[in-house]
Structures are given as structure tokens and as C-alpha cells.
Amino acid sequence: EVQLVESGGGLVQAGGSLRLSCSASGFTFDDYAIGWFRQAPGKEREGVSCISSSMGSAFDYHADSVKGRFTISRDNAKNTVYLQMNSLKPEDTAVYYCAAVTLVCLSDPELYKYWGQGTQVTVSA
């Protein structure tokens, strides 16, 4: 059974940090790029960060809104991708999802094959 499980969300004050984890099972993790998306109430889903597979080009992506604050990394031995979020702002409040797509990062979330259930991140002012 394919599973992506997010963890690490919570409530934090503005300026604080959180580290999200996305743990994968049931598929060949090394062959997949992993993206983080977020969705705030009343807003469309937004791509946040993505890291390519081991077989893809060495490329990771960060949305302009999080550049310099968020860092994505992966540990293939643990089948886990991390999203380190620093200098959090109230506008970062959303449900954060991780998703998997073969080989390389893509901007269209509809092309991602597997999705987790999401973890809530709330940043208070």
C-alpha cells in the first residue's frame, strides 16, 4: 500500500520555525520527486517546494514566497523528505501536503501520483 505521511505541523509564533517530514512507503522512493504544496482556507493549492528524485536532475524548487526561508531535503535511506521552515509568517498558515511524481519536479499538482493527508501549520502574529 502506497503511503505518504506528513508530520511536524503545529502552532508557532511569527518568526519561529518548524520542520515538516514526509515519510513514504509502498513505492520506489528514490525514483520519485517529492513536492510540498499548501492550501489555506478559501485559497487555491500552492506549490511550495520540490526536490527531484535521485535519478532526476539535481534540482529543487522553492516558490518565491518562501525563498530564503524554506529548505527542502531528502534522506533516501529513510524514505523521508523534510521541509525546514524558518522565519515563518502568518501568511504561511495552511494545510501542507507532500506529493510524489516520477523523476522530476513538475509545477502542475494534477500530475503528482501520490498524496499525503496533510498537516496543519498555523502561524500566529
C-alpha atoms as a PDB file:
ATOM      1  CA  GLU A   1       0.000   0.000   0.000  1.00  0.00           C
ATOM      2  CA  VAL A   2       1.324   3.397  -1.006  1.00  0.00           C
ATOM      3  CA  GLN A   3       1.523   5.900   1.820  1.00  0.00           C
ATOM      4  CA  LEU A   4       2.792   9.426   2.259  1.00  0.00           C
ATOM      5  CA  VAL A   5       2.527  10.630   5.822  1.00  0.00           C
ATOM      6  CA  GLU A   6       3.207  14.221   6.801  1.00  0.00           C
ATOM      7  CA  SER A   7       4.176  15.231  10.312  1.00  0.00           C
ATOM      8  CA  GLY A   8       5.665  18.166  12.165  1.00  0.00           C
ATOM      9  CA  GLY A   9       2.931  20.716  11.767  1.00  0.00           C
ATOM     10  CA  GLY A  10       1.634  22.791  14.635  1.00  0.00           C
ATOM     11  CA  LEU A  11       1.148  26.243  16.054  1.00  0.00           C
ATOM     12  CA  VAL A  12       4.088  28.636  16.073  1.00  0.00           C
ATOM     13  CA  GLN A  13       4.563  32.350  16.526  1.00  0.00           C
ATOM     14  CA  ALA A  14       5.648  34.544  13.666  1.00  0.00           C
ATOM     15  CA  GLY A  15       9.395  34.360  13.221  1.00  0.00           C
ATOM     16  CA  GLY A  16       9.529  30.820  14.509  1.00  0.00           C
ATOM     17  CA  SER A  17      10.480  27.578  12.787  1.00  0.00           C
ATOM     18  CA  LEU A  18       9.000  24.190  12.047  1.00  0.00           C
ATOM     19  CA  ARG A  19      10.330  21.139  10.274  1.00  0.00           C
ATOM     20  CA  LEU A  20       7.847  19.088   8.332  1.00  0.00           C
ATOM     21  CA  SER A  21       8.527  15.466   7.449  1.00  0.00           C
ATOM     22  CA  CYS A  22       7.055  13.384   4.660  1.00  0.00           C
ATOM     23  CA  SER A  23       7.562   9.665   5.172  1.00  0.00           C
ATOM     24  CA  ALA A  24       6.920   7.410   2.207  1.00  0.00           C
ATOM     25  CA  SER A  25       6.252   3.711   1.778  1.00  0.00           C
ATOM     26  CA  GLY A  26       4.878   1.329  -0.806  1.00  0.00           C
ATOM     27  CA  PHE A  27       6.752   2.645  -3.843  1.00  0.00           C
ATOM     28  CA  THR A  28      10.339   3.100  -5.036  1.00  0.00           C
ATOM     29  CA  PHE A  29      11.066   6.333  -3.235  1.00  0.00           C
ATOM     30  CA  ASP A  30      14.363   7.014  -4.987  1.00  0.00           C
ATOM     31  CA  ASP A  31      12.593   7.242  -8.369  1.00  0.00           C
ATOM     32  CA  TYR A  32      10.221   9.995  -7.330  1.00  0.00           C
ATOM     33  CA  ALA A  33      10.451  13.717  -6.921  1.00  0.00           C
ATOM     34  CA  ILE A  34       8.662  14.935  -3.827  1.00  0.00           C
ATOM     35  CA  GLY A  35       6.825  18.215  -3.688  1.00  0.00           C
ATOM     36  CA  TRP A  36       5.275  20.201  -0.876  1.00  0.00           C
ATOM     37  CA  PHE A  37       2.031  22.034  -1.519  1.00  0.00           C
ATOM     38  CA  ARG A  38      -0.125  24.087   0.775  1.00  0.00           C
ATOM     39  CA  GLN A  39      -3.707  25.235   0.847  1.00  0.00           C
ATOM     40  CA  ALA A  40      -5.103  27.959   3.026  1.00  0.00           C
ATOM     41  CA  PRO A  41      -8.849  28.343   3.634  1.00  0.00           C
ATOM     42  CA  GLY A  42     -10.523  29.928   0.645  1.00  0.00           C
ATOM     43  CA  LYS A  43      -7.374  29.821  -1.450  1.00  0.00           C
ATOM     44  CA  GLU A  44      -6.110  27.591  -4.206  1.00  0.00           C
ATOM     45  CA  ARG A  45      -3.491  24.960  -3.617  1.00  0.00           C
ATOM     46  CA  GLU A  46       0.002  26.413  -3.993  1.00  0.00           C
ATOM     47  CA  GLY A  47       3.274  24.719  -4.795  1.00  0.00           C
ATOM     48  CA  VAL A  48       5.827  25.473  -2.090  1.00  0.00           C
ATOM     49  CA  SER A  49       8.942  23.406  -2.647  1.00  0.00           C
ATOM     50  CA  CYS A  50      10.060  20.344  -4.529  1.00  0.00           C
ATOM     51  CA  ILE A  51      13.118  18.125  -4.678  1.00  0.00           C
ATOM     52  CA  SER A  52      13.927  15.894  -7.599  1.00  0.00           C
ATOM     53  CA  SER A  53      14.494  12.169  -7.463  1.00  0.00           C
ATOM     54  CA  SER A  54      17.935  10.628  -7.223  1.00  0.00           C
ATOM     55  CA  MET A  55      17.625   9.731 -10.901  1.00  0.00           C
ATOM     56  CA  GLY A  56      16.441  13.152 -11.996  1.00  0.00           C
ATOM     57  CA  SER A  57      18.441  16.297 -12.439  1.00  0.00           C
ATOM     58  CA  ALA A  58      19.849  17.827  -9.294  1.00  0.00           C
ATOM     59  CA  PHE A  59      17.140  20.386  -8.862  1.00  0.00           C
ATOM     60  CA  ASP A  60      14.992  21.672  -6.124  1.00  0.00           C
ATOM     61  CA  TYR A  61      12.359  24.344  -6.331  1.00  0.00           C
ATOM     62  CA  HIS A  62      11.036  26.946  -3.936  1.00  0.00           C
ATOM     63  CA  ALA A  63       8.189  29.327  -4.546  1.00  0.00           C
ATOM     64  CA  ASP A  64       9.196  32.988  -4.478  1.00  0.00           C
ATOM     65  CA  SER A  65       7.141  33.481  -1.330  1.00  0.00           C
ATOM     66  CA  VAL A  66       9.338  31.055   0.636  1.00  0.00           C
ATOM     67  CA  LYS A  67      12.760  31.505  -0.956  1.00  0.00           C
ATOM     68  CA  GLY A  68      15.420  32.150   1.631  1.00  0.00           C
ATOM     69  CA  ARG A  69      13.166  30.860   4.410  1.00  0.00           C
ATOM     70  CA  PHE A  70      12.315  27.256   3.493  1.00  0.00           C
ATOM     71  CA  THR A  71      14.751  24.458   2.689  1.00  0.00           C
ATOM     72  CA  ILE A  72      13.858  21.077   1.280  1.00  0.00           C
ATOM     73  CA  SER A  73      15.973  17.956   1.672  1.00  0.00           C
ATOM     74  CA  ARG A  74      15.613  14.216   1.355  1.00  0.00           C
ATOM     75  CA  ASP A  75      17.021  11.169   3.090  1.00  0.00           C
ATOM     76  CA  ASN A  76      16.591   8.248   0.722  1.00  0.00           C
ATOM     77  CA  ALA A  77      17.781   5.780   3.348  1.00  0.00           C
ATOM     78  CA  LYS A  78      14.774   6.779   5.472  1.00  0.00           C
ATOM     79  CA  ASN A  79      12.351   7.354   2.583  1.00  0.00           C
ATOM     80  CA  THR A  80      11.730  10.792   4.001  1.00  0.00           C
ATOM     81  CA  VAL A  81      11.661  14.349   2.710  1.00  0.00           C
ATOM     82  CA  TYR A  82      11.973  17.299   5.053  1.00  0.00           C
ATOM     83  CA  LEU A  83      10.812  20.876   4.749  1.00  0.00           C
ATOM     84  CA  GLN A  84      12.625  23.186   7.124  1.00  0.00           C
ATOM     85  CA  MET A  85      10.582  26.338   7.530  1.00  0.00           C
ATOM     86  CA  ASN A  86      12.226  29.338   9.164  1.00  0.00           C
ATOM     87  CA  SER A  87      11.108  32.922   9.722  1.00  0.00           C
ATOM     88  CA  LEU A  88       7.506  31.830   9.490  1.00  0.00           C
ATOM     89  CA  LYS A  89       4.857  34.399   8.721  1.00  0.00           C
ATOM     90  CA  PRO A  90       1.105  34.375   9.366  1.00  0.00           C
ATOM     91  CA  GLU A  91       0.568  34.059   5.610  1.00  0.00           C
ATOM     92  CA  ASP A  92       2.321  30.673   5.758  1.00  0.00           C
ATOM     93  CA  THR A  93      -0.691  29.322   7.654  1.00  0.00           C
ATOM     94  CA  ALA A  94      -2.169  26.442   5.658  1.00  0.00           C
ATOM     95  CA  VAL A  95      -2.506  22.704   5.424  1.00  0.00           C
ATOM     96  CA  TYR A  96       0.733  21.376   3.979  1.00  0.00           C
ATOM     97  CA  TYR A  97       0.709  18.310   1.753  1.00  0.00           C
ATOM     98  CA  CYS A  98       3.523  16.269   0.286  1.00  0.00           C
ATOM     99  CA  ALA A  99       3.113  14.546  -3.042  1.00  0.00           C
ATOM    100  CA  ALA A 100       5.159  12.288  -5.305  1.00  0.00           C
ATOM    101  CA  VAL A 101       5.767  12.453  -9.048  1.00  0.00           C
ATOM    102  CA  THR A 102       8.150  10.348 -11.118  1.00  0.00           C
ATOM    103  CA  LEU A 103      11.710  11.617 -11.517  1.00  0.00           C
ATOM    104  CA  VAL A 104      11.480  15.407 -11.768  1.00  0.00           C
ATOM    105  CA  CYS A 105       9.558  18.207 -10.153  1.00  0.00           C
ATOM    106  CA  LEU A 106       6.527  19.491 -12.041  1.00  0.00           C
ATOM    107  CA  SER A 107       4.523  22.611 -11.421  1.00  0.00           C
ATOM    108  CA  ASP A 108       1.094  21.071 -12.071  1.00  0.00           C
ATOM    109  CA  PRO A 109      -0.168  19.335  -8.921  1.00  0.00           C
ATOM    110  CA  GLU A 110      -2.563  17.275 -11.045  1.00  0.00           C
ATOM    111  CA  LEU A 111       0.442  15.370 -12.368  1.00  0.00           C
ATOM    112  CA  TYR A 112       1.503  14.145  -8.932  1.00  0.00           C
ATOM    113  CA  LYS A 113       0.670  10.495  -8.435  1.00  0.00           C
ATOM    114  CA  TYR A 114       0.592  10.073  -4.673  1.00  0.00           C
ATOM    115  CA  TRP A 115      -0.554  12.450  -1.955  1.00  0.00           C
ATOM    116  CA  GLY A 116      -0.464  12.558   1.798  1.00  0.00           C
ATOM    117  CA  GLN A 117      -3.309  13.615   4.060  1.00  0.00           C
ATOM    118  CA  GLY A 118      -1.751  16.900   5.091  1.00  0.00           C
ATOM    119  CA  THR A 119      -0.522  18.552   8.267  1.00  0.00           C
ATOM    120  CA  GLN A 120      -1.769  21.860   9.630  1.00  0.00           C
ATOM    121  CA  VAL A 121       0.655  24.736  10.091  1.00  0.00           C
ATOM    122  CA  THR A 122      -0.636  27.769  11.955  1.00  0.00           C
ATOM    123  CA  VAL A 123       1.497  30.873  12.408  1.00  0.00           C
ATOM    124  CA  SER A 124       0.224  33.421  14.886  1.00  0.00           C
ATOM    125  CA  ALA A 125       1.027  37.106  14.595  1.00  0.00           C
END
